[in-house]
Amino acid sequence: MFAFSLPIRASTPRCFARSRLSQRPHFDPDLGSRLIGRLGLECSKLSVSVDWGKIDLAASMGAGCFKVAKKSDRGLKVEFDSGGQDFFDADAVEASAGGAPEHLVIMVNGMVGSAEDWRYAAEQFVKKLPDKVIVHRSQCNSSKLTFDGVDMMGERLAEEVLGVIRHRPGVCKISFIAHSLGGLVARYAIGRLYEEPSQSELCTAIRDCPREEQSNHQMDVLEPHEAKVAVLEPHEAKVAGLEPMNFITVASPHLGSRGHKQLPFLCGLPFLERKAPEAAHLIVGRSGKHLFLTDGDDGKPPLLLQMVNDSKDLKFLSALRAFKRRVAYANVNYDQVVGWGTSSIRRQHELPKSSLLVKDARYPHIVYVEKETPENFQRRASSLVTDKKIDLEEEMIRGLTQVPWERVDVSFSKSKQRYSAHNTILVRSYRLNSDGADVVFHMIDNFLL
């Protein structure tokens, strides 16, 4: 059944050319084993899995020059193009006088994942917002490609996004929703895709400001590379030429996986937490070095530490600031892969106490929502201790919290699916992770359009 791998390697299609940013092909060398695994997992839907696997193969060969469309009975249309899968409601598009939806939603998988991880969520987004969004499930970083490191994966994702936009010139807004390691990859990609306002746009922004603020802004325009430019409205900047709206991460290790119970299956044991960084790269390659902050090549800081500020070529913080919303969904417990602190970008003493965790009947697994108000933002900044030694984790927290975040805490403690919380939070497989559906609906109901 899987003998097709040999002719593919022997004959490389023209559209399989190396990418401009990543200098690597989009082909998934582990497609056969990934498909076998999916067939085993979805044995009750064997015929469907086989069909989708064949289409996945054709799509990966195309990487932007091959397109397959599939339309379900309820109007949901799936197109395989630009190395991924686009979901939209064909009936709504045909009925709309204004044409196709203008909001592009990029969904990014985590470690050893694939576009299939976001199938349920993509379907719900299109079903709930049929005339508003086109959902693109990224395929460029799947299976063993997720071992290549956050930077290489981010470069591939950035190029894939540009390919999607070229294919859909009608979109004008962009949002990202990323799971686990995909959250770091998405943060890297937006740093690559960030576009600063031009001088003329800055001048226009100044003219629109109240007169009493113009003198300050005029000074800022004379120094476009200084941090003072950040006082302008963040949404004047673009990401991949589009207006950035929502940047949402789901169980993502923003602070890495080093110590402080950030990798829960190590049980917080000091001996294991000290030894884990030494072995991580042997299991998950460069991605392991990045997660445990052991890269630091050529005397440079670890990549995750670099990604909490802007550099000369990559505007990581400015890109985050450009989005109107930044949201971190985090598992309070039973996530054995990503700890509560690293996924919610909090210090250990900032994690809400169990007495503060409340339940919402509409979203039974959402137990705490912390919206960053200006007052909270200022209080958090003023409470920093400056006379104590700052470790790498503290540096990352200080960097990332230069922009406000909404934090949504999730608990599956009373669910039969609690031991797979890392996958349940995004409903990776509806048969196995259906209890996370209310988290997906919470994302949709609070999505900024």
Protein backbone atom coordinates (compact mmCIF):
# COMPACT_ATOMS: atom_id res chain seq x y z
CA MET A 1 0.00 0.00 0.00
CA PHE A 2 2.83 2.39 0.82
CA ALA A 3 5.23 1.49 -2.00
CA PHE A 4 4.73 4.99 -3.42
CA SER A 5 7.62 6.36 -1.35
CA LEU A 6 10.29 5.08 -3.75
CA PRO A 7 9.12 6.75 -6.97
CA ILE A 8 8.62 10.02 -5.13
CA ARG A 9 12.21 10.08 -3.94
CA ALA A 10 13.47 9.07 -7.38
CA SER A 11 11.67 11.78 -9.28
CA THR A 12 11.36 15.21 -7.72
CA PRO A 13 8.60 17.42 -9.20
CA ARG A 14 9.44 20.93 -10.33
CA CYS A 15 7.11 22.39 -7.70
CA PHE A 16 9.23 20.59 -5.11
CA ALA A 17 11.95 23.27 -5.45
CA ARG A 18 13.72 24.46 -2.33
CA SER A 19 11.94 27.23 -0.50
CA ARG A 20 13.27 30.79 -0.42
CA LEU A 21 13.27 31.17 3.37
CA SER A 22 13.93 27.70 4.71
CA GLN A 23 16.08 26.28 1.89
CA ARG A 24 14.39 22.94 2.56
CA PRO A 25 11.69 21.10 0.63
CA HIS A 26 8.20 20.81 2.06
CA PHE A 27 8.06 17.02 1.49
CA ASP A 28 7.27 14.97 4.60
CA PRO A 29 9.70 12.02 4.62
CA ASP A 30 7.74 10.28 7.37
CA LEU A 31 4.38 10.41 5.59
CA GLY A 32 4.12 6.62 5.36
CA SER A 33 4.57 5.98 9.08
CA ARG A 34 2.36 8.95 9.95
CA LEU A 35 -0.41 7.57 7.76
CA ILE A 36 -0.03 4.10 9.26
CA GLY A 37 -0.29 5.60 12.75
CA ARG A 38 -3.38 7.52 11.77
CA LEU A 39 -4.97 4.38 10.34
CA GLY A 40 -4.33 2.59 13.63
CA LEU A 41 -5.75 5.46 15.66
CA GLU A 42 -8.84 5.89 13.49
CA CYS A 43 -9.52 2.23 12.80
CA SER A 44 -13.24 2.81 12.97
CA LYS A 45 -12.95 5.17 9.99
CA LEU A 46 -10.47 3.18 7.92
CA SER A 47 -11.76 4.13 4.48
CA VAL A 48 -11.87 7.83 5.32
CA SER A 49 -8.33 7.83 6.71
CA VAL A 50 -6.95 6.09 3.65
CA ASP A 51 -8.57 8.58 1.30
CA TRP A 52 -7.30 11.57 3.27
CA GLY A 53 -3.83 10.04 3.41
CA LYS A 54 -3.71 9.77 -0.38
CA ILE A 55 -4.78 13.37 -0.73
CA ASP A 56 -2.19 14.41 1.89
CA LEU A 57 0.44 12.77 -0.30
CA ALA A 58 -0.66 14.66 -3.37
CA ALA A 59 -0.77 17.91 -1.44
CA SER A 60 2.70 17.46 0.00
CA MET A 61 4.03 16.84 -3.51
CA GLY A 62 2.43 20.05 -4.70
CA ALA A 63 3.63 22.41 -1.98
CA GLY A 64 1.68 25.21 -3.59
CA CYS A 65 1.34 24.06 -7.20
CA PHE A 66 -1.09 21.17 -6.65
CA LYS A 67 -4.67 21.76 -5.54
CA VAL A 68 -7.36 19.30 -4.50
CA ALA A 69 -10.78 20.31 -3.25
CA LYS A 70 -13.24 18.27 -1.23
CA LYS A 71 -16.73 19.45 -0.35
CA SER A 72 -18.91 17.87 2.33
CA ASP A 73 -22.70 17.71 2.32
CA ARG A 74 -23.02 20.70 4.65
CA GLY A 75 -21.01 23.04 2.42
CA LEU A 76 -17.62 22.76 4.12
CA LYS A 77 -14.92 22.88 1.45
CA VAL A 78 -11.34 21.77 1.93
CA GLU A 79 -8.59 22.79 -0.47
CA PHE A 80 -5.10 21.34 -0.33
CA ASP A 81 -2.67 23.98 -1.46
CA SER A 82 0.41 25.92 -0.37
CA GLY A 83 1.60 22.90 1.61
CA GLY A 84 -1.44 22.81 3.91
CA GLN A 85 -5.22 22.57 4.03
CA ASP A 86 -7.72 25.43 3.67
CA PHE A 87 -11.17 25.12 5.26
CA PHE A 88 -14.03 27.42 4.30
CA ASP A 89 -17.78 27.33 3.73
CA ALA A 90 -18.38 27.14 -0.01
CA ASP A 91 -22.10 27.88 0.29
CA ALA A 92 -21.45 31.04 2.30
CA VAL A 93 -18.83 32.20 -0.19
CA GLU A 94 -21.17 31.64 -3.14
CA ALA A 95 -24.04 33.42 -1.38
CA SER A 96 -21.93 36.35 -0.24
CA ALA A 97 -22.09 39.44 -2.41
CA GLY A 98 -18.78 40.59 -0.97
CA GLY A 99 -16.89 37.49 -2.09
CA ALA A 100 -14.71 35.19 -0.02
CA PRO A 101 -14.06 35.74 3.73
CA GLU A 102 -11.31 38.27 4.46
CA HIS A 103 -9.94 36.81 7.70
CA LEU A 104 -7.22 34.16 7.35
CA VAL A 105 -6.72 31.90 10.38
CA ILE A 106 -3.47 29.92 10.49
CA MET A 107 -3.53 26.80 12.69
CA VAL A 108 -0.16 25.33 13.69
CA ASN A 109 0.50 21.85 15.11
CA GLY A 110 2.93 20.89 17.86
CA MET A 111 5.65 18.29 18.32
CA VAL A 112 5.23 15.19 16.12
CA GLY A 113 1.87 16.58 15.02
CA SER A 114 0.26 17.38 11.69
CA ALA A 115 -2.53 19.41 10.12
CA GLU A 116 -4.92 16.65 11.19
CA ASP A 117 -4.56 17.78 14.82
CA TRP A 118 -6.67 20.87 14.10
CA ARG A 119 -9.39 19.21 11.98
CA TYR A 120 -12.15 19.46 14.59
CA ALA A 121 -11.34 23.06 15.53
CA ALA A 122 -11.10 24.14 11.90
CA GLU A 123 -14.51 22.65 11.14
CA GLN A 124 -16.07 24.42 14.12
CA PHE A 125 -14.56 27.79 13.19
CA VAL A 126 -15.96 27.55 9.67
CA LYS A 127 -19.32 26.28 10.90
CA LYS A 128 -19.69 29.10 13.45
CA LEU A 129 -18.17 31.87 11.29
CA PRO A 130 -18.94 30.70 7.74
CA ASP A 131 -18.78 34.07 6.02
CA LYS A 132 -15.95 35.46 8.17
CA VAL A 133 -12.95 33.13 8.11
CA ILE A 134 -10.81 30.90 5.95
CA VAL A 135 -8.89 28.44 8.11
CA HIS A 136 -5.51 27.18 6.93
CA ARG A 137 -4.10 24.18 8.77
CA SER A 138 -0.35 24.27 8.37
CA GLN A 139 1.34 21.14 7.04
CA CYS A 140 4.95 22.27 6.57
CA ASN A 141 6.13 21.08 10.02
CA SER A 142 4.80 17.60 10.67
CA SER A 143 6.09 14.39 12.17
CA LYS A 144 9.92 14.30 12.42
CA LEU A 145 10.22 17.73 10.82
CA THR A 146 9.24 19.07 14.24
CA PHE A 147 12.69 17.99 15.49
CA ASP A 148 14.47 20.51 13.24
CA GLY A 149 14.35 23.38 15.72
CA VAL A 150 12.09 26.36 16.32
CA ASP A 151 14.00 28.61 13.91
CA MET A 152 13.95 26.25 10.93
CA MET A 153 10.30 25.39 11.54
CA GLY A 154 9.48 29.09 11.86
CA GLU A 155 11.13 29.84 8.53
CA ARG A 156 9.10 27.09 6.85
CA LEU A 157 5.88 28.33 8.42
CA ALA A 158 6.59 31.92 7.32
CA GLU A 159 7.02 30.82 3.72
CA GLU A 160 3.92 28.65 3.86
CA VAL A 161 1.86 31.62 5.10
CA LEU A 162 3.16 33.77 2.25
CA GLY A 163 2.15 31.03 -0.20
CA VAL A 164 -1.37 30.92 1.23
CA ILE A 165 -1.72 34.68 0.94
CA ARG A 166 -0.56 34.63 -2.68
CA HIS A 167 -3.23 32.03 -3.38
CA ARG A 168 -5.90 34.08 -1.55
CA PRO A 169 -5.30 37.73 -2.45
CA GLY A 170 -8.69 38.75 -1.01
CA VAL A 171 -7.71 38.23 2.63
CA CYS A 172 -6.82 41.34 4.63
CA LYS A 173 -6.67 40.09 8.24
CA ILE A 174 -4.63 37.32 9.83
CA SER A 175 -4.73 35.35 13.08
CA PHE A 176 -2.66 32.45 14.44
CA ILE A 177 -3.80 29.58 16.66
CA ALA A 178 -0.98 27.25 17.66
CA HIS A 179 -0.64 24.17 19.86
CA SER A 180 2.31 23.22 22.05
CA LEU A 181 5.67 23.68 20.28
CA GLY A 182 3.70 25.29 17.44
CA GLY A 183 3.22 28.36 19.64
CA LEU A 184 6.97 28.99 19.63
CA VAL A 185 7.16 28.28 15.90
CA ALA A 186 4.35 30.78 15.26
CA ARG A 187 6.12 33.41 17.38
CA TYR A 188 9.26 32.94 15.30
CA ALA A 189 7.31 33.08 12.02
CA ILE A 190 5.53 36.34 12.84
CA GLY A 191 8.90 37.86 13.72
CA ARG A 192 10.00 36.99 10.19
CA LEU A 193 6.74 38.23 8.63
CA TYR A 194 6.50 41.49 10.58
CA GLU A 195 6.38 44.65 8.50
CA GLU A 196 6.98 48.02 10.13
CA PRO A 197 4.81 50.97 9.08
CA SER A 198 6.37 53.03 6.31
CA GLN A 199 7.43 56.63 6.93
CA SER A 200 4.33 57.88 5.14
CA GLU A 201 2.10 55.65 7.29
CA LEU A 202 3.76 56.99 10.42
CA CYS A 203 3.17 60.54 9.27
CA THR A 204 -0.48 59.74 8.55
CA ALA A 205 -0.83 58.25 12.03
CA ILE A 206 0.63 61.39 13.54
CA ARG A 207 -1.77 63.64 11.62
CA ASP A 208 -4.66 61.58 13.00
CA CYS A 209 -3.43 61.99 16.60
CA PRO A 210 -4.76 64.73 18.89
CA ARG A 211 -2.73 67.92 18.48
CA GLU A 212 -1.27 67.78 21.98
CA GLU A 213 0.35 64.42 21.16
CA GLN A 214 1.77 65.36 17.76
CA SER A 215 4.99 66.93 19.01
CA ASN A 216 5.99 63.74 20.79
CA HIS A 217 5.15 61.61 17.77
CA GLN A 218 7.08 63.89 15.42
CA MET A 219 10.18 63.26 17.46
CA ASP A 220 9.49 59.53 17.25
CA VAL A 221 9.33 59.66 13.44
CA LEU A 222 12.81 61.18 13.34
CA GLU A 223 14.07 58.07 15.15
CA PRO A 224 12.25 55.19 13.44
CA HIS A 225 14.58 52.50 14.78
CA GLU A 226 14.27 53.52 18.43
CA ALA A 227 11.90 51.88 20.88
CA LYS A 228 9.91 55.12 21.20
CA VAL A 229 8.14 54.34 17.91
CA ALA A 230 6.17 51.71 19.85
CA VAL A 231 3.92 54.43 21.28
CA LEU A 232 2.01 54.45 17.97
CA GLU A 233 -1.03 52.24 17.71
CA PRO A 234 0.21 48.64 17.37
CA HIS A 235 -2.22 47.64 14.63
CA GLU A 236 -0.60 50.08 12.19
CA ALA A 237 2.05 47.42 11.61
CA LYS A 238 1.38 44.41 9.39
CA VAL A 239 2.17 40.72 9.51
CA ALA A 240 2.69 39.22 6.05
CA GLY A 241 1.06 42.37 4.66
CA LEU A 242 -2.19 41.74 6.59
CA GLU A 243 -3.81 43.27 9.65
CA PRO A 244 -2.86 41.12 12.68
CA MET A 245 -5.84 40.28 14.90
CA ASN A 246 -5.58 37.26 17.27
CA PHE A 247 -2.44 35.43 18.37
CA ILE A 248 -3.57 32.39 20.38
CA THR A 249 -1.41 29.66 21.87
CA VAL A 250 -2.70 26.44 23.40
CA ALA A 251 -0.52 24.60 25.94
CA SER A 252 2.66 26.14 24.49
CA PRO A 253 5.98 26.09 26.41
CA HIS A 254 6.72 29.82 26.11
CA LEU A 255 9.37 29.65 28.84
CA GLY A 256 10.83 26.40 27.61
CA SER A 257 10.83 23.07 29.46
CA ARG A 258 13.73 23.62 31.83
CA GLY A 259 13.17 23.05 35.55
CA HIS A 260 10.39 24.49 37.76
CA LYS A 261 8.03 21.62 36.86
CA GLN A 262 7.77 22.92 33.30
CA LEU A 263 7.99 19.32 32.07
CA PRO A 264 5.47 17.69 34.43
CA PHE A 265 6.18 14.02 33.67
CA LEU A 266 9.55 14.51 35.42
CA CYS A 267 7.48 14.97 38.63
CA GLY A 268 9.52 18.01 39.65
CA LEU A 269 12.39 15.79 40.81
CA PRO A 270 15.58 17.90 40.82
CA PHE A 271 17.77 15.03 39.59
CA LEU A 272 15.58 14.33 36.55
CA GLU A 273 15.15 18.02 35.76
CA ARG A 274 18.94 18.45 35.76
CA LYS A 275 19.50 15.42 33.54
CA ALA A 276 16.70 16.04 31.03
CA PRO A 277 18.48 18.86 29.12
CA GLU A 278 21.45 16.56 28.51
CA ALA A 279 19.32 13.95 26.75
CA ALA A 280 16.56 16.00 25.10
CA HIS A 281 18.45 16.66 21.86
CA LEU A 282 19.06 12.91 21.45
CA ILE A 283 15.30 12.36 21.33
CA VAL A 284 13.85 15.43 19.63
CA GLY A 285 16.88 16.99 17.93
CA ARG A 286 17.48 20.74 17.80
CA SER A 287 13.97 21.37 19.11
CA GLY A 288 15.07 19.73 22.37
CA LYS A 289 18.04 22.08 22.65
CA HIS A 290 15.77 25.07 22.12
CA LEU A 291 13.19 23.89 24.65
CA PHE A 292 15.83 23.26 27.33
CA LEU A 293 17.79 26.44 26.49
CA THR A 294 20.99 24.52 25.77
CA ASP A 295 21.60 25.88 22.26
CA GLY A 296 23.48 29.15 22.82
CA ASP A 297 25.63 28.61 19.72
CA ASP A 298 28.55 30.93 18.96
CA GLY A 299 28.18 32.72 22.26
CA LYS A 300 24.63 33.86 21.44
CA PRO A 301 21.85 33.64 24.03
CA PRO A 302 19.45 30.67 23.74
CA LEU A 303 16.94 31.14 20.93
CA LEU A 304 13.92 31.36 23.25
CA LEU A 305 15.62 34.18 25.13
CA GLN A 306 16.33 36.00 21.86
CA MET A 307 12.65 35.64 20.94
CA VAL A 308 11.39 37.84 23.78
CA ASN A 309 12.84 40.98 22.19
CA ASP A 310 13.50 42.43 18.77
CA SER A 311 16.74 41.85 16.92
CA LYS A 312 18.08 43.58 13.84
CA ASP A 313 16.35 41.25 11.38
CA LEU A 314 13.62 39.59 13.42
CA LYS A 315 11.06 41.71 15.26
CA PHE A 316 9.67 39.13 17.67
CA LEU A 317 8.27 41.51 20.27
CA SER A 318 7.03 44.10 17.77
CA ALA A 319 5.20 41.35 15.89
CA LEU A 320 3.46 40.20 19.07
CA ARG A 321 2.58 43.77 19.94
CA ALA A 322 1.03 44.26 16.49
CA PHE A 323 -1.78 41.79 17.24
CA LYS A 324 -4.91 43.21 18.81
CA ARG A 325 -5.17 40.16 21.12
CA ARG A 326 -2.65 37.74 22.57
CA VAL A 327 -4.15 34.77 24.41
CA ALA A 328 -2.49 31.87 26.23
CA TYR A 329 -4.65 28.80 26.97
CA ALA A 330 -3.01 26.58 29.60
CA ASN A 331 -3.79 23.30 31.34
CA VAL A 332 -3.90 23.70 35.12
CA ASN A 333 -3.22 20.00 35.69
CA TYR A 334 -2.80 16.59 34.04
CA ASP A 335 -0.78 18.00 31.14
CA GLN A 336 2.32 15.80 31.36
CA VAL A 337 4.17 17.61 28.55
CA VAL A 338 3.82 21.35 29.21
CA GLY A 339 3.60 22.89 32.68
CA TRP A 340 1.03 25.44 33.81
CA GLY A 341 3.57 28.22 34.37
CA THR A 342 5.34 27.99 31.01
CA SER A 343 2.08 27.74 29.05
CA SER A 344 0.44 30.68 30.85
CA ILE A 345 3.60 32.85 31.01
CA ARG A 346 3.48 33.20 34.79
CA ARG A 347 5.86 32.89 37.69
CA GLN A 348 5.05 30.05 40.07
CA HIS A 349 3.71 32.40 42.76
CA GLU A 350 1.43 34.10 40.21
CA LEU A 351 -0.54 30.94 39.41
CA PRO A 352 -4.12 31.28 40.70
CA LYS A 353 -4.92 29.44 43.92
CA SER A 354 -7.32 26.52 43.73
CA SER A 355 -9.88 28.55 45.68
CA LEU A 356 -9.97 31.08 42.86
CA LEU A 357 -10.69 28.56 40.13
CA VAL A 358 -14.34 28.83 39.12
CA LYS A 359 -16.46 27.05 36.56
CA ASP A 360 -18.59 28.42 33.77
CA ALA A 361 -21.63 26.32 32.86
CA ARG A 362 -21.19 27.27 29.22
CA TYR A 363 -17.52 26.26 29.19
CA PRO A 364 -17.24 23.59 31.93
CA HIS A 365 -13.48 23.12 31.55
CA ILE A 366 -12.56 26.83 31.55
CA VAL A 367 -11.76 27.47 35.20
CA TYR A 368 -10.12 30.89 35.20
CA VAL A 369 -9.87 33.81 32.78
CA GLU A 370 -7.41 36.60 33.45
CA LYS A 371 -7.72 39.58 31.14
CA GLU A 372 -4.80 41.98 31.24
CA THR A 373 -6.20 45.39 32.12
CA PRO A 374 -3.99 48.49 31.98
CA GLU A 375 -3.97 48.55 35.79
CA ASN A 376 -2.88 44.91 36.05
CA PHE A 377 -0.28 45.46 33.35
CA GLN A 378 1.26 48.40 35.20
CA ARG A 379 1.13 46.61 38.56
CA ARG A 380 2.87 43.56 37.10
CA ALA A 381 5.64 45.72 35.67
CA SER A 382 6.14 47.73 38.86
CA SER A 383 6.33 44.60 41.04
CA LEU A 384 9.51 43.33 39.39
CA VAL A 385 12.37 42.71 41.80
CA THR A 386 15.52 44.32 40.41
CA ASP A 387 18.01 43.57 43.14
CA LYS A 388 17.98 39.81 42.76
CA LYS A 389 19.75 37.65 40.24
CA ILE A 390 17.62 37.11 37.15
CA ASP A 391 17.57 33.60 35.69
CA LEU A 392 16.70 32.71 32.10
CA GLU A 393 13.07 31.98 32.89
CA GLU A 394 12.62 35.34 34.62
CA GLU A 395 14.20 37.11 31.66
CA MET A 396 11.76 35.44 29.29
CA ILE A 397 8.78 36.34 31.47
CA ARG A 398 9.89 39.97 31.64
CA GLY A 399 10.37 40.06 27.88
CA LEU A 400 7.07 38.45 26.94
CA THR A 401 5.04 40.49 29.43
CA GLN A 402 6.13 43.73 27.82
CA VAL A 403 2.89 43.21 25.90
CA PRO A 404 -0.43 42.33 27.60
CA TRP A 405 -1.75 38.76 27.46
CA GLU A 406 -5.12 37.21 28.20
CA ARG A 407 -4.69 33.97 30.15
CA VAL A 408 -7.29 31.21 30.03
CA ASP A 409 -6.79 28.33 32.48
CA VAL A 410 -8.29 24.95 31.63
CA SER A 411 -8.83 21.89 33.83
CA PHE A 412 -10.01 18.41 32.87
CA SER A 413 -9.60 17.10 36.42
CA LYS A 414 -13.08 15.50 36.45
CA SER A 415 -12.93 14.27 32.87
CA LYS A 416 -12.20 10.70 31.85
CA GLN A 417 -9.87 12.24 29.27
CA ARG A 418 -7.80 14.13 31.84
CA TYR A 419 -4.68 12.02 31.34
CA SER A 420 -4.50 13.20 27.73
CA ALA A 421 -5.09 16.85 28.65
CA HIS A 422 -2.31 18.04 26.34
CA ASN A 423 -4.28 16.75 23.34
CA THR A 424 -7.78 17.17 24.77
CA ILE A 425 -7.39 20.94 25.09
CA LEU A 426 -7.49 21.28 21.28
CA VAL A 427 -9.57 18.12 20.52
CA ARG A 428 -6.76 16.51 18.57
CA SER A 429 -8.98 13.49 17.91
CA TYR A 430 -12.69 13.86 18.60
CA ARG A 431 -13.05 10.18 19.48
CA LEU A 432 -10.35 10.45 22.14
CA ASN A 433 -10.43 14.14 23.15
CA SER A 434 -14.04 15.31 22.73
CA ASP A 435 -14.20 16.90 26.20
CA GLY A 436 -12.07 19.78 24.93
CA ALA A 437 -14.85 20.97 22.61
CA ASP A 438 -15.89 23.72 25.03
CA VAL A 439 -12.34 25.15 24.89
CA VAL A 440 -12.61 25.38 21.10
CA PHE A 441 -16.00 27.07 21.42
CA HIS A 442 -14.52 29.52 23.94
CA MET A 443 -11.88 30.45 21.35
CA ILE A 444 -14.54 31.00 18.69
CA ASP A 445 -16.92 32.99 20.92
CA ASN A 446 -14.12 35.36 21.96
CA PHE A 447 -12.42 35.55 18.58
CA LEU A 448 -11.80 39.08 17.39
CA LEU A 449 -13.04 39.51 13.82
